[in-house]
PDB file of N, CA and C in Angstrom:
ATOM      1  N   UNK A   1       0.922  -1.153  -0.060  1.00  0.00           N
ATOM      2  CA  UNK A   1      -0.164   0.032  -0.041  1.00  0.00           C
ATOM      3  C   UNK A   1       0.829   1.283  -0.053  1.00  0.00           C
ATOM      4  N   UNK A   2       0.424   2.216  -0.793  1.00  0.00           N
ATOM      5  CA  UNK A   2       1.205   3.478  -0.783  1.00  0.00           C
ATOM      6  C   UNK A   2       0.436   4.535  -0.393  1.00  0.00           C
ATOM      7  N   UNK A   3       0.659   5.325   0.618  1.00  0.00           N
ATOM      8  CA  UNK A   3      -0.060   6.465   1.154  1.00  0.00           C
ATOM      9  C   UNK A   3       0.436   7.794   0.810  1.00  0.00           C
ATOM     10  N   UNK A   4      -0.190   8.646   0.134  1.00  0.00           N
ATOM     11  CA  UNK A   4       0.535   9.885  -0.214  1.00  0.00           C
ATOM     12  C   UNK A   4       0.727  10.742   0.985  1.00  0.00           C
ATOM     13  N   UNK A   5       1.875  11.401   1.104  1.00  0.00           N
ATOM     14  CA  UNK A   5       2.420  12.186   2.146  1.00  0.00           C
ATOM     15  C   UNK A   5       1.774  13.584   2.001  1.00  0.00           C
ATOM     16  N   UNK A   6       0.432  13.740   1.689  1.00  0.00           N
ATOM     17  CA  UNK A   6      -0.261  15.151   1.595  1.00  0.00           C
ATOM     18  C   UNK A   6      -0.779  15.575   3.221  1.00  0.00           C
ATOM     19  N   UNK A   7      -1.036  16.659   3.381  1.00  0.00           N
ATOM     20  CA  UNK A   7      -1.636  16.949   4.745  1.00  0.00           C
ATOM     21  C   UNK A   7      -2.727  16.276   5.134  1.00  0.00           C
ATOM     22  N   UNK A   8      -3.740  15.864   4.129  1.00  0.00           N
ATOM     23  CA  UNK A   8      -4.886  15.234   4.628  1.00  0.00           C
ATOM     24  C   UNK A   8      -4.421  13.704   5.159  1.00  0.00           C
ATOM     25  N   UNK A   9      -3.669  12.998   4.481  1.00  0.00           N
ATOM     26  CA  UNK A   9      -3.255  11.640   4.709  1.00  0.00           C
ATOM     27  C   UNK A   9      -2.361  11.772   6.030  1.00  0.00           C
ATOM     28  N   UNK A  10      -1.444  12.728   5.889  1.00  0.00           N
ATOM     29  CA  UNK A  10      -0.499  12.799   7.142  1.00  0.00           C
ATOM     30  C   UNK A  10      -1.322  12.856   8.420  1.00  0.00           C
ATOM     31  N   UNK A  11      -2.284  13.734   8.601  1.00  0.00           N
ATOM     32  CA  UNK A  11      -3.085  13.783   9.819  1.00  0.00           C
ATOM     33  C   UNK A  11      -4.118  12.744   9.887  1.00  0.00           C
ATOM     34  N   UNK A  12      -4.806  12.208   9.115  1.00  0.00           N
ATOM     35  CA  UNK A  12      -5.655  11.337   9.243  1.00  0.00           C
ATOM     36  C   UNK A  12      -5.273   9.887   9.337  1.00  0.00           C
ATOM     37  N   UNK A  13      -4.342   9.653   8.591  1.00  0.00           N
ATOM     38  CA  UNK A  13      -3.852   8.040   8.502  1.00  0.00           C
ATOM     39  C   UNK A  13      -2.252   8.016   8.880  1.00  0.00           C
ATOM     40  N   UNK A  14      -1.500   8.687   8.529  1.00  0.00           N
ATOM     41  CA  UNK A  14       0.092   8.402   8.822  1.00  0.00           C
ATOM     42  C   UNK A  14       0.293   8.719  10.281  1.00  0.00           C
ATOM     43  N   UNK A  15      -0.132   9.882  10.832  1.00  0.00           N
ATOM     44  CA  UNK A  15       0.275  10.214  12.247  1.00  0.00           C
ATOM     45  C   UNK A  15      -0.452   9.044  13.102  1.00  0.00           C
ATOM     46  N   UNK A  16      -1.508   8.816  12.978  1.00  0.00           N
ATOM     47  CA  UNK A  16      -2.214   7.814  13.907  1.00  0.00           C
ATOM     48  C   UNK A  16      -1.478   6.449  13.825  1.00  0.00           C
ATOM     49  N   UNK A  17      -1.194   6.101  12.584  1.00  0.00           N
ATOM     50  CA  UNK A  17      -0.148   4.904  12.531  1.00  0.00           C
ATOM     51  C   UNK A  17       1.004   5.010  13.204  1.00  0.00           C
ATOM     52  N   UNK A  18       1.705   6.041  13.093  1.00  0.00           N
ATOM     53  CA  UNK A  18       2.977   6.327  13.566  1.00  0.00           C
ATOM     54  C   UNK A  18       2.923   6.236  15.248  1.00  0.00           C
ATOM     55  N   UNK A  19       1.782   6.719  15.675  1.00  0.00           N
ATOM     56  CA  UNK A  19       1.556   6.756  17.166  1.00  0.00           C
ATOM     57  C   UNK A  19       1.101   5.317  17.827  1.00  0.00           C
ATOM     58  N   UNK A  20       1.001   4.347  17.074  1.00  0.00           N
ATOM     59  CA  UNK A  20       0.529   3.116  17.606  1.00  0.00           C
ATOM     60  C   UNK A  20       1.723   2.555  18.361  1.00  0.00           C
ATOM     61  N   UNK A  21       1.709   1.624  19.229  1.00  0.00           N
ATOM     62  CA  UNK A  21       2.602   1.094  20.000  1.00  0.00           C
ATOM     63  C   UNK A  21       2.961  -0.240  19.311  1.00  0.00           C
ATOM     64  N   UNK A  22       3.380  -0.147  18.209  1.00  0.00           N
ATOM     65  CA  UNK A  22       3.825  -1.196  17.393  1.00  0.00           C
ATOM     66  C   UNK A  22       5.269  -0.875  16.702  1.00  0.00           C
ATOM     67  N   UNK A  23       6.197  -2.070  16.494  1.00  0.00           N
ATOM     68  CA  UNK A  23       7.393  -2.000  16.033  1.00  0.00           C
ATOM     69  C   UNK A  23       7.281  -1.426  14.495  1.00  0.00           C
ATOM     70  N   UNK A  24       8.228  -0.326  14.175  1.00  0.00           N
ATOM     71  CA  UNK A  24       8.212   0.245  12.966  1.00  0.00           C
ATOM     72  C   UNK A  24       9.878  -0.026  12.473  1.00  0.00           C
ATOM     73  N   UNK A  25       9.938  -0.101  11.125  1.00  0.00           N
ATOM     74  CA  UNK A  25      11.294  -0.332  10.520  1.00  0.00           C
ATOM     75  C   UNK A  25      11.384   0.759   9.249  1.00  0.00           C
ATOM     76  N   UNK A  26      12.346   1.312   9.165  1.00  0.00           N
ATOM     77  CA  UNK A  26      12.707   2.258   7.972  1.00  0.00           C
ATOM     78  C   UNK A  26      14.125   2.026   7.581  1.00  0.00           C
ATOM     79  N   UNK A  27      14.552   2.642   6.393  1.00  0.00           N
ATOM     80  CA  UNK A  27      15.864   2.404   5.906  1.00  0.00           C
ATOM     81  C   UNK A  27      16.428   3.904   5.976  1.00  0.00           C
ATOM     82  N   UNK A  28      17.492   4.139   6.906  1.00  0.00           N
ATOM     83  CA  UNK A  28      18.007   5.490   7.208  1.00  0.00           C
ATOM     84  C   UNK A  28      16.983   6.325   7.819  1.00  0.00           C
ATOM     85  N   UNK A  29      15.986   5.875   8.760  1.00  0.00           N
ATOM     86  CA  UNK A  29      14.885   6.229   9.298  1.00  0.00           C
ATOM     87  C   UNK A  29      15.466   7.234  10.547  1.00  0.00           C
ATOM     88  N   UNK A  30      16.543   6.790  11.046  1.00  0.00           N
ATOM     89  CA  UNK A  30      17.192   7.550  12.212  1.00  0.00           C
ATOM     90  C   UNK A  30      17.573   8.901  11.669  1.00  0.00           C
ATOM     91  N   UNK A  31      18.348   8.828  10.472  1.00  0.00           N
ATOM     92  CA  UNK A  31      18.882   9.932   9.948  1.00  0.00           C
ATOM     93  C   UNK A  31      18.079  10.771   9.079  1.00  0.00           C
ATOM     94  N   UNK A  32      16.901  10.357   8.814  1.00  0.00           N
ATOM     95  CA  UNK A  32      16.034  11.090   7.722  1.00  0.00           C
ATOM     96  C   UNK A  32      14.593  11.162   8.252  1.00  0.00           C
ATOM     97  N   UNK A  33      14.035  10.159   8.221  1.00  0.00           N
ATOM     98  CA  UNK A  33      12.566  10.217   8.501  1.00  0.00           C
ATOM     99  C   UNK A  33      12.077  10.568   9.924  1.00  0.00           C
ATOM    100  N   UNK A  34      12.647   9.952  10.858  1.00  0.00           N
ATOM    101  CA  UNK A  34      12.377  10.295  12.321  1.00  0.00           C
ATOM    102  C   UNK A  34      12.627  11.741  12.636  1.00  0.00           C
ATOM    103  N   UNK A  35      13.655  12.468  12.273  1.00  0.00           N
ATOM    104  CA  UNK A  35      13.928  13.812  12.483  1.00  0.00           C
ATOM    105  C   UNK A  35      12.770  14.638  12.113  1.00  0.00           C
ATOM    106  N   UNK A  36      12.263  14.317  10.797  1.00  0.00           N
ATOM    107  CA  UNK A  36      11.321  15.003  10.087  1.00  0.00           C
ATOM    108  C   UNK A  36      10.002  14.950  10.889  1.00  0.00           C
ATOM    109  N   UNK A  37       9.666  13.676  11.169  1.00  0.00           N
ATOM    110  CA  UNK A  37       8.167  13.547  11.874  1.00  0.00           C
ATOM    111  C   UNK A  37       8.349  14.145  13.169  1.00  0.00           C
ATOM    112  N   UNK A  38       9.393  14.079  13.945  1.00  0.00           N
ATOM    113  CA  UNK A  38       9.346  14.362  15.414  1.00  0.00           C
ATOM    114  C   UNK A  38       9.731  15.950  15.453  1.00  0.00           C
ATOM    115  N   UNK A  39      10.453  16.394  14.670  1.00  0.00           N
ATOM    116  CA  UNK A  39      10.835  17.852  14.999  1.00  0.00           C
ATOM    117  C   UNK A  39      10.052  18.745  14.058  1.00  0.00           C
ATOM    118  N   UNK A  40       9.874  18.439  12.796  1.00  0.00           N
ATOM    119  CA  UNK A  40       9.029  19.205  11.923  1.00  0.00           C
ATOM    120  C   UNK A  40       7.731  19.024  11.949  1.00  0.00           C
ATOM    121  N   UNK A  41       7.105  17.660  12.116  1.00  0.00           N
ATOM    122  CA  UNK A  41       5.882  17.419  12.203  1.00  0.00           C
ATOM    123  C   UNK A  41       5.281  17.454  13.690  1.00  0.00           C
ATOM    124  N   UNK A  42       6.062  17.304  14.747  1.00  0.00           N
ATOM    125  CA  UNK A  42       5.754  17.431  15.799  1.00  0.00           C
ATOM    126  C   UNK A  42       5.154  16.079  16.263  1.00  0.00           C
ATOM    127  N   UNK A  43       5.315  14.923  15.757  1.00  0.00           N
ATOM    128  CA  UNK A  43       4.734  13.757  16.169  1.00  0.00           C
ATOM    129  C   UNK A  43       5.337  12.973  17.295  1.00  0.00           C
ATOM    130  N   UNK A  44       4.603  12.061  17.898  1.00  0.00           N
ATOM    131  CA  UNK A  44       5.034  11.228  18.846  1.00  0.00           C
ATOM    132  C   UNK A  44       5.184   9.771  18.012  1.00  0.00           C
ATOM    133  N   UNK A  45       6.447   9.218  18.121  1.00  0.00           N
ATOM    134  CA  UNK A  45       6.534   8.019  17.547  1.00  0.00           C
ATOM    135  C   UNK A  45       6.611   6.915  18.660  1.00  0.00           C
ATOM    136  N   UNK A  46       5.656   5.896  18.717  1.00  0.00           N
ATOM    137  CA  UNK A  46       5.395   4.815  19.676  1.00  0.00           C
ATOM    138  C   UNK A  46       6.015   3.610  19.050  1.00  0.00           C
ATOM    139  N   UNK A  47       6.218   2.680  19.953  1.00  0.00           N
ATOM    140  CA  UNK A  47       6.703   1.328  19.684  1.00  0.00           C
ATOM    141  C   UNK A  47       7.990   1.472  19.342  1.00  0.00           C
ATOM    142  N   UNK A  48       8.829   0.096  19.267  1.00  0.00           N
ATOM    143  CA  UNK A  48      10.192   0.021  18.801  1.00  0.00           C
ATOM    144  C   UNK A  48      10.436   0.613  17.331  1.00  0.00           C
ATOM    145  N   UNK A  49      11.570   1.576  17.303  1.00  0.00           N
ATOM    146  CA  UNK A  49      11.795   2.021  15.926  1.00  0.00           C
ATOM    147  C   UNK A  49      13.264   1.302  15.451  1.00  0.00           C
ATOM    148  N   UNK A  50      13.115   0.599  14.426  1.00  0.00           N
ATOM    149  CA  UNK A  50      14.221  -0.019  14.058  1.00  0.00           C
ATOM    150  C   UNK A  50      14.973   0.499  12.567  1.00  0.00           C
ATOM    151  N   UNK A  51      16.186   0.734  12.370  1.00  0.00           N
ATOM    152  CA  UNK A  51      16.704   1.377  11.250  1.00  0.00           C
ATOM    153  C   UNK A  51      17.429   0.312  10.259  1.00  0.00           C
ATOM    154  N   UNK A  52      16.826  -0.085   9.321  1.00  0.00           N
ATOM    155  CA  UNK A  52      17.364  -1.264   8.387  1.00  0.00           C
ATOM    156  C   UNK A  52      18.814  -0.792   7.923  1.00  0.00           C
ATOM    157  N   UNK A  53      19.240   0.326   7.660  1.00  0.00           N
ATOM    158  CA  UNK A  53      20.484   0.674   7.158  1.00  0.00           C
ATOM    159  C   UNK A  53      21.499   0.564   8.231  1.00  0.00           C
ATOM    160  N   UNK A  54      21.223   0.842   9.562  1.00  0.00           N
ATOM    161  CA  UNK A  54      22.036   0.414  10.811  1.00  0.00           C
ATOM    162  C   UNK A  54      22.239  -1.020  10.934  1.00  0.00           C
ATOM    163  N   UNK A  55      21.167  -1.778  10.788  1.00  0.00           N
ATOM    164  CA  UNK A  55      21.221  -3.128  11.144  1.00  0.00           C
ATOM    165  C   UNK A  55      22.149  -3.886  10.015  1.00  0.00           C
ATOM    166  N   UNK A  56      21.810  -3.340   8.662  1.00  0.00           N
ATOM    167  CA  UNK A  56      22.776  -3.966   7.637  1.00  0.00           C
ATOM    168  C   UNK A  56      24.261  -3.658   8.088  1.00  0.00           C
ATOM    169  N   UNK A  57      24.510  -2.501   8.479  1.00  0.00           N
ATOM    170  CA  UNK A  57      25.760  -2.010   8.811  1.00  0.00           C
ATOM    171  C   UNK A  57      26.577  -2.924   9.714  1.00  0.00           C
ATOM    172  N   UNK A  58      25.569  -3.381  10.742  1.00  0.00           N
ATOM    173  CA  UNK A  58      26.267  -4.367  11.682  1.00  0.00           C
ATOM    174  C   UNK A  58      26.652  -5.596  11.185  1.00  0.00           C
ATOM    175  N   UNK A  59      25.808  -6.072  10.216  1.00  0.00           N
ATOM    176  CA  UNK A  59      25.946  -7.378   9.506  1.00  0.00           C
ATOM    177  C   UNK A  59      27.033  -7.387   8.593  1.00  0.00           C
ATOM    178  N   UNK A  60      27.296  -6.207   7.645  1.00  0.00           N
ATOM    179  CA  UNK A  60      28.163  -6.032   6.580  1.00  0.00           C
ATOM    180  C   UNK A  60      28.698  -4.864   6.691  1.00  0.00           C
ATOM    181  N   UNK A  61      29.463  -4.450   7.845  1.00  0.00           N
ATOM    182  CA  UNK A  61      29.984  -3.116   7.974  1.00  0.00           C
ATOM    183  C   UNK A  61      30.999  -2.643   6.645  1.00  0.00           C
ATOM    184  N   UNK A  62      31.459  -3.328   5.924  1.00  0.00           N
ATOM    185  CA  UNK A  62      32.419  -2.925   4.792  1.00  0.00           C
ATOM    186  C   UNK A  62      31.594  -2.706   3.430  1.00  0.00           C
ATOM    187  N   UNK A  63      30.214  -2.965   3.335  1.00  0.00           N
ATOM    188  CA  UNK A  63      29.634  -2.673   2.236  1.00  0.00           C
ATOM    189  C   UNK A  63      28.612  -1.470   2.124  1.00  0.00           C
ATOM    190  N   UNK A  64      28.325  -1.236   1.159  1.00  0.00           N
ATOM    191  CA  UNK A  64      27.295  -0.135   0.782  1.00  0.00           C
ATOM    192  C   UNK A  64      26.069  -0.245   1.645  1.00  0.00           C
ATOM    193  N   UNK A  65      25.403   0.653   1.801  1.00  0.00           N
ATOM    194  CA  UNK A  65      24.318   0.604   2.928  1.00  0.00           C
ATOM    195  C   UNK A  65      23.002   1.053   2.153  1.00  0.00           C
ATOM    196  N   UNK A  66      23.052   1.668   0.868  1.00  0.00           N
ATOM    197  CA  UNK A  66      21.845   2.301   0.477  1.00  0.00           C
ATOM    198  C   UNK A  66      20.915   1.214   0.110  1.00  0.00           C
ATOM    199  N   UNK A  67      19.708   1.445   0.134  1.00  0.00           N
ATOM    200  CA  UNK A  67      18.493   0.559   0.141  1.00  0.00           C
ATOM    201  C   UNK A  67      18.503  -0.357  -1.234  1.00  0.00           C
ATOM    202  N   UNK A  68      18.728   0.169  -2.259  1.00  0.00           N
ATOM    203  CA  UNK A  68      18.709  -0.705  -3.540  1.00  0.00           C
ATOM    204  C   UNK A  68      19.815  -1.684  -3.332  1.00  0.00           C
ATOM    205  N   UNK A  69      21.007  -1.327  -3.063  1.00  0.00           N
ATOM    206  CA  UNK A  69      22.036  -2.260  -2.988  1.00  0.00           C
ATOM    207  C   UNK A  69      21.674  -3.365  -1.846  1.00  0.00           C
ATOM    208  N   UNK A  70      21.260  -2.986  -0.735  1.00  0.00           N
ATOM    209  CA  UNK A  70      20.875  -4.133   0.180  1.00  0.00           C
ATOM    210  C   UNK A  70      19.933  -4.932  -0.241  1.00  0.00           C
ATOM    211  N   UNK A  71      19.056  -4.419  -1.063  1.00  0.00           N
ATOM    212  CA  UNK A  71      17.849  -5.305  -1.444  1.00  0.00           C
ATOM    213  C   UNK A  71      18.292  -6.066  -2.567  1.00  0.00           C
ATOM    214  N   UNK A  72      19.443  -5.781  -3.277  1.00  0.00           N
ATOM    215  CA  UNK A  72      20.131  -6.467  -4.397  1.00  0.00           C
ATOM    216  C   UNK A  72      20.619  -7.767  -3.800  1.00  0.00           C
ATOM    217  N   UNK A  73      21.159  -7.720  -2.565  1.00  0.00           N
ATOM    218  CA  UNK A  73      21.638  -8.951  -1.828  1.00  0.00           C
ATOM    219  C   UNK A  73      20.648  -9.783  -1.043  1.00  0.00           C
ATOM    220  N   UNK A  74      19.509  -9.115  -0.757  1.00  0.00           N
ATOM    221  CA  UNK A  74      18.744  -9.761   0.107  1.00  0.00           C
ATOM    222  C   UNK A  74      17.263 -10.247  -0.482  1.00  0.00           C
ATOM    223  N   UNK A  75      16.840  -9.423  -1.266  1.00  0.00           N
ATOM    224  CA  UNK A  75      15.350  -9.496  -1.940  1.00  0.00           C
ATOM    225  C   UNK A  75      15.567  -9.859  -3.342  1.00  0.00           C
ATOM    226  N   UNK A  76      15.440 -11.452  -3.464  1.00  0.00           N
ATOM    227  CA  UNK A  76      15.810 -11.921  -4.832  1.00  0.00           C
ATOM    228  C   UNK A  76      14.445 -11.629  -5.655  1.00  0.00           C
ATOM    229  N   UNK A  77      13.362 -11.119  -5.055  1.00  0.00           N
ATOM    230  CA  UNK A  77      12.079 -10.935  -5.846  1.00  0.00           C
ATOM    231  C   UNK A  77      12.017  -9.388  -6.447  1.00  0.00           C
ATOM    232  N   UNK A  78      13.048  -8.712  -6.053  1.00  0.00           N
ATOM    233  CA  UNK A  78      13.002  -7.312  -6.498  1.00  0.00           C
ATOM    234  C   UNK A  78      13.944  -7.097  -7.678  1.00  0.00           C
ATOM    235  N   UNK A  79      13.774  -6.136  -8.563  1.00  0.00           N
ATOM    236  CA  UNK A  79      14.611  -5.588  -9.553  1.00  0.00           C
ATOM    237  C   UNK A  79      14.891  -4.037  -9.164  1.00  0.00           C
ATOM    238  N   UNK A  80      15.958  -3.496  -9.894  1.00  0.00           N
ATOM    239  CA  UNK A  80      16.101  -2.008  -9.647  1.00  0.00           C
ATOM    240  C   UNK A  80      14.898  -1.208  -9.746  1.00  0.00           C
ATOM    241  N   UNK A  81      14.564  -0.300  -8.671  1.00  0.00           N
ATOM    242  CA  UNK A  81      13.374   0.662  -8.868  1.00  0.00           C
ATOM    243  C   UNK A  81      13.647   1.998  -8.639  1.00  0.00           C
ATOM    244  N   UNK A  82      14.750   2.262  -7.797  1.00  0.00           N
ATOM    245  CA  UNK A  82      15.020   3.863  -7.438  1.00  0.00           C
ATOM    246  C   UNK A  82      14.854   4.797  -8.682  1.00  0.00           C
ATOM    247  N   UNK A  83      15.293   4.396  -9.780  1.00  0.00           N
ATOM    248  CA  UNK A  83      15.085   5.369 -11.041  1.00  0.00           C
ATOM    249  C   UNK A  83      13.747   5.554 -11.377  1.00  0.00           C
ATOM    250  N   UNK A  84      12.779   4.915 -10.654  1.00  0.00           N
ATOM    251  CA  UNK A  84      11.221   5.122 -11.067  1.00  0.00           C
ATOM    252  C   UNK A  84      10.597   6.249 -10.097  1.00  0.00           C
ATOM    253  N   UNK A  85      11.286   6.786  -9.235  1.00  0.00           N
ATOM    254  CA  UNK A  85      10.833   7.603  -8.016  1.00  0.00           C
ATOM    255  C   UNK A  85       9.813   8.715  -8.804  1.00  0.00           C
ATOM    256  N   UNK A  86      10.112   9.430  -9.792  1.00  0.00           N
ATOM    257  CA  UNK A  86       9.460  10.426 -10.380  1.00  0.00           C
ATOM    258  C   UNK A  86       8.417  10.038 -11.391  1.00  0.00           C
ATOM    259  N   UNK A  87       8.700   8.906 -12.194  1.00  0.00           N
ATOM    260  CA  UNK A  87       7.854   8.229 -13.338  1.00  0.00           C
ATOM    261  C   UNK A  87       6.639   7.524 -12.655  1.00  0.00           C
ATOM    262  N   UNK A  88       6.886   6.760 -11.524  1.00  0.00           N
ATOM    263  CA  UNK A  88       5.893   5.869 -10.836  1.00  0.00           C
ATOM    264  C   UNK A  88       6.197   6.056  -9.411  1.00  0.00           C
ATOM    265  N   UNK A  89       5.674   7.051  -8.815  1.00  0.00           N
ATOM    266  CA  UNK A  89       5.886   7.148  -7.468  1.00  0.00           C
ATOM    267  C   UNK A  89       5.170   6.337  -6.476  1.00  0.00           C
ATOM    268  N   UNK A  90       4.024   5.754  -6.903  1.00  0.00           N
ATOM    269  CA  UNK A  90       3.329   4.766  -6.005  1.00  0.00           C
ATOM    270  C   UNK A  90       3.996   3.599  -6.083  1.00  0.00           C
ATOM    271  N   UNK A  91       4.386   3.018  -7.241  1.00  0.00           N
ATOM    272  CA  UNK A  91       5.297   1.824  -7.326  1.00  0.00           C
ATOM    273  C   UNK A  91       6.490   1.920  -6.593  1.00  0.00           C
ATOM    274  N   UNK A  92       7.124   2.899  -6.688  1.00  0.00           N
ATOM    275  CA  UNK A  92       8.471   3.243  -5.958  1.00  0.00           C
ATOM    276  C   UNK A  92       8.164   3.218  -4.549  1.00  0.00           C
ATOM    277  N   UNK A  93       7.344   3.735  -3.966  1.00  0.00           N
ATOM    278  CA  UNK A  93       6.876   3.865  -2.629  1.00  0.00           C
ATOM    279  C   UNK A  93       6.588   2.276  -2.134  1.00  0.00           C
ATOM    280  N   UNK A  94       5.839   1.529  -2.818  1.00  0.00           N
ATOM    281  CA  UNK A  94       5.513   0.127  -2.451  1.00  0.00           C
ATOM    282  C   UNK A  94       6.742  -0.654  -2.394  1.00  0.00           C
ATOM    283  N   UNK A  95       7.707  -0.576  -3.443  1.00  0.00           N
ATOM    284  CA  UNK A  95       8.881  -1.388  -3.377  1.00  0.00           C
ATOM    285  C   UNK A  95       9.791  -1.022  -2.250  1.00  0.00           C
ATOM    286  N   UNK A  96      10.005   0.448  -2.228  1.00  0.00           N
ATOM    287  CA  UNK A  96      10.638   0.734  -0.963  1.00  0.00           C
ATOM    288  C   UNK A  96      10.306   0.184   0.210  1.00  0.00           C
ATOM    289  N   UNK A  97       9.079   0.053   0.536  1.00  0.00           N
ATOM    290  CA  UNK A  97       8.495  -0.500   1.904  1.00  0.00           C
ATOM    291  C   UNK A  97       8.767  -1.961   1.800  1.00  0.00           C
ATOM    292  N   UNK A  98       8.586  -2.866   0.718  1.00  0.00           N
ATOM    293  CA  UNK A  98       8.961  -4.136   0.553  1.00  0.00           C
ATOM    294  C   UNK A  98      10.265  -4.561   0.815  1.00  0.00           C
ATOM    295  N   UNK A  99      11.278  -3.682   0.118  1.00  0.00           N
ATOM    296  CA  UNK A  99      12.632  -4.081   0.263  1.00  0.00           C
ATOM    297  C   UNK A  99      13.050  -3.773   1.685  1.00  0.00           C
ATOM    298  N   UNK A 100      12.413  -2.715   2.424  1.00  0.00           N
ATOM    299  CA  UNK A 100      13.077  -2.473   3.736  1.00  0.00           C
ATOM    300  C   UNK A 100      12.630  -3.397   4.661  1.00  0.00           C
ATOM    301  N   UNK A 101      11.333  -3.897   4.649  1.00  0.00           N
ATOM    302  CA  UNK A 101      10.804  -4.908   5.428  1.00  0.00           C
ATOM    303  C   UNK A 101      11.464  -6.316   5.058  1.00  0.00           C
ATOM    304  N   UNK A 102      11.525  -6.764   4.119  1.00  0.00           N
ATOM    305  CA  UNK A 102      11.969  -7.977   3.614  1.00  0.00           C
ATOM    306  C   UNK A 102      13.505  -8.025   3.899  1.00  0.00           C
ATOM    307  N   UNK A 103      14.292  -6.973   3.607  1.00  0.00           N
ATOM    308  CA  UNK A 103      15.592  -7.056   4.059  1.00  0.00           C
ATOM    309  C   UNK A 103      16.007  -6.994   5.507  1.00  0.00           C
ATOM    310  N   UNK A 104      15.033  -6.193   6.144  1.00  0.00           N
ATOM    311  CA  UNK A 104      15.217  -6.223   7.637  1.00  0.00           C
ATOM    312  C   UNK A 104      14.940  -7.624   8.258  1.00  0.00           C
ATOM    313  N   UNK A 105      13.794  -8.199   7.941  1.00  0.00           N
ATOM    314  CA  UNK A 105      13.675  -9.609   8.483  1.00  0.00           C
ATOM    315  C   UNK A 105      14.874 -10.453   8.089  1.00  0.00           C
ATOM    316  N   UNK A 106      15.358 -10.539   6.955  1.00  0.00           N
ATOM    317  CA  UNK A 106      16.494 -11.284   6.569  1.00  0.00           C
ATOM    318  C   UNK A 106      17.801 -10.957   7.400  1.00  0.00           C
ATOM    319  N   UNK A 107      18.002  -9.696   7.446  1.00  0.00           N
ATOM    320  CA  UNK A 107      19.303  -9.187   8.353  1.00  0.00           C
ATOM    321  C   UNK A 107      19.117  -9.571   9.830  1.00  0.00           C
ATOM    322  N   UNK A 108      17.855  -9.641  10.453  1.00  0.00           N
ATOM    323  CA  UNK A 108      17.774 -10.037  11.951  1.00  0.00           C
ATOM    324  C   UNK A 108      18.020 -11.636  11.874  1.00  0.00           C
ATOM    325  N   UNK A 109      17.424 -12.457  10.875  1.00  0.00           N
ATOM    326  CA  UNK A 109      17.893 -13.946  10.953  1.00  0.00           C
ATOM    327  C   UNK A 109      19.271 -14.084  10.939  1.00  0.00           C
ATOM    328  N   UNK A 110      20.023 -13.498   9.981  1.00  0.00           N
ATOM    329  CA  UNK A 110      21.323 -13.463  10.091  1.00  0.00           C
ATOM    330  C   UNK A 110      22.048 -13.126  11.106  1.00  0.00           C
ATOM    331  N   UNK A 111      21.668 -11.973  11.872  1.00  0.00           N
ATOM    332  CA  UNK A 111      22.367 -11.728  12.924  1.00  0.00           C
ATOM    333  C   UNK A 111      22.282 -12.598  14.262  1.00  0.00           C
ATOM    334  N   UNK A 112      20.829 -13.091  14.264  1.00  0.00           N
ATOM    335  CA  UNK A 112      20.655 -13.972  15.448  1.00  0.00           C
ATOM    336  C   UNK A 112      21.425 -15.123  15.180  1.00  0.00           C
ATOM    337  N   UNK A 113      21.768 -15.656  13.854  1.00  0.00           N
ATOM    338  CA  UNK A 113      22.525 -16.791  13.757  1.00  0.00           C
ATOM    339  C   UNK A 113      24.151 -16.714  14.064  1.00  0.00           C
ATOM    340  N   UNK A 114      24.742 -15.684  14.265  1.00  0.00           N
ATOM    341  CA  UNK A 114      25.987 -15.452  14.729  1.00  0.00           C
ATOM    342  C   UNK A 114      26.365 -15.631  15.960  1.00  0.00           C
ATOM    343  N   UNK A 115      27.302 -16.574  16.235  1.00  0.00           N
ATOM    344  CA  UNK A 115      27.839 -16.923  17.571  1.00  0.00           C
ATOM    345  C   UNK A 115      28.585 -15.861  18.092  1.00  0.00           C
ATOM    346  N   UNK A 116      28.239 -15.269  19.085  1.00  0.00           N
ATOM    347  CA  UNK A 116      29.343 -14.319  19.736  1.00  0.00           C
ATOM    348  C   UNK A 116      29.961 -14.840  20.969  1.00  0.00           C
ATOM    349  N   UNK A 117      31.296 -14.953  20.818  1.00  0.00           N
ATOM    350  CA  UNK A 117      32.063 -15.338  21.874  1.00  0.00           C
ATOM    351  C   UNK A 117      31.999 -14.629  23.297  1.00  0.00           C
ATOM    352  N   UNK A 118      32.105 -15.327  24.215  1.00  0.00           N
ATOM    353  CA  UNK A 118      32.213 -14.503  25.500  1.00  0.00           C
ATOM    354  C   UNK A 118      33.521 -14.392  25.870  1.00  0.00           C
ATOM    355  N   UNK A 119      33.860 -13.116  26.283  1.00  0.00           N
ATOM    356  CA  UNK A 119      34.963 -12.517  26.593  1.00  0.00           C
ATOM    357  C   UNK A 119      35.007 -12.298  28.153  1.00  0.00           C
ATOM    358  N   UNK A 120      35.510 -13.013  29.145  1.00  0.00           N
ATOM    359  CA  UNK A 120      35.656 -12.790  30.628  1.00  0.00           C
ATOM    360  C   UNK A 120      37.019 -12.830  31.190  1.00  0.00           C
TER     361      UNK A 120
END
């Protein structure tokens, strides 16, 4: 689903969703989306907030972190889409969300499988 970021939808749909006490994930959300909605829009974000870009950086610190690159490694059902942001904004928005959620779930599986030695 793609929801337009217009004043009507921001107030009646997006803001109430962001206020729910449910986990949320974004890609570079800590550096981009969260400051906008907290400081510019004045919204309260409830629930756990996860940043997919940060999670991927923990998993693969030497690799690129942009969403299309991350998705190219972790989302075999997706093809490049970032070039469609102007021509097909609704499609672009949906694929961005799919890429973020799918890659985040796969990153978390990979991170949980890593054995961390105890140092005492």
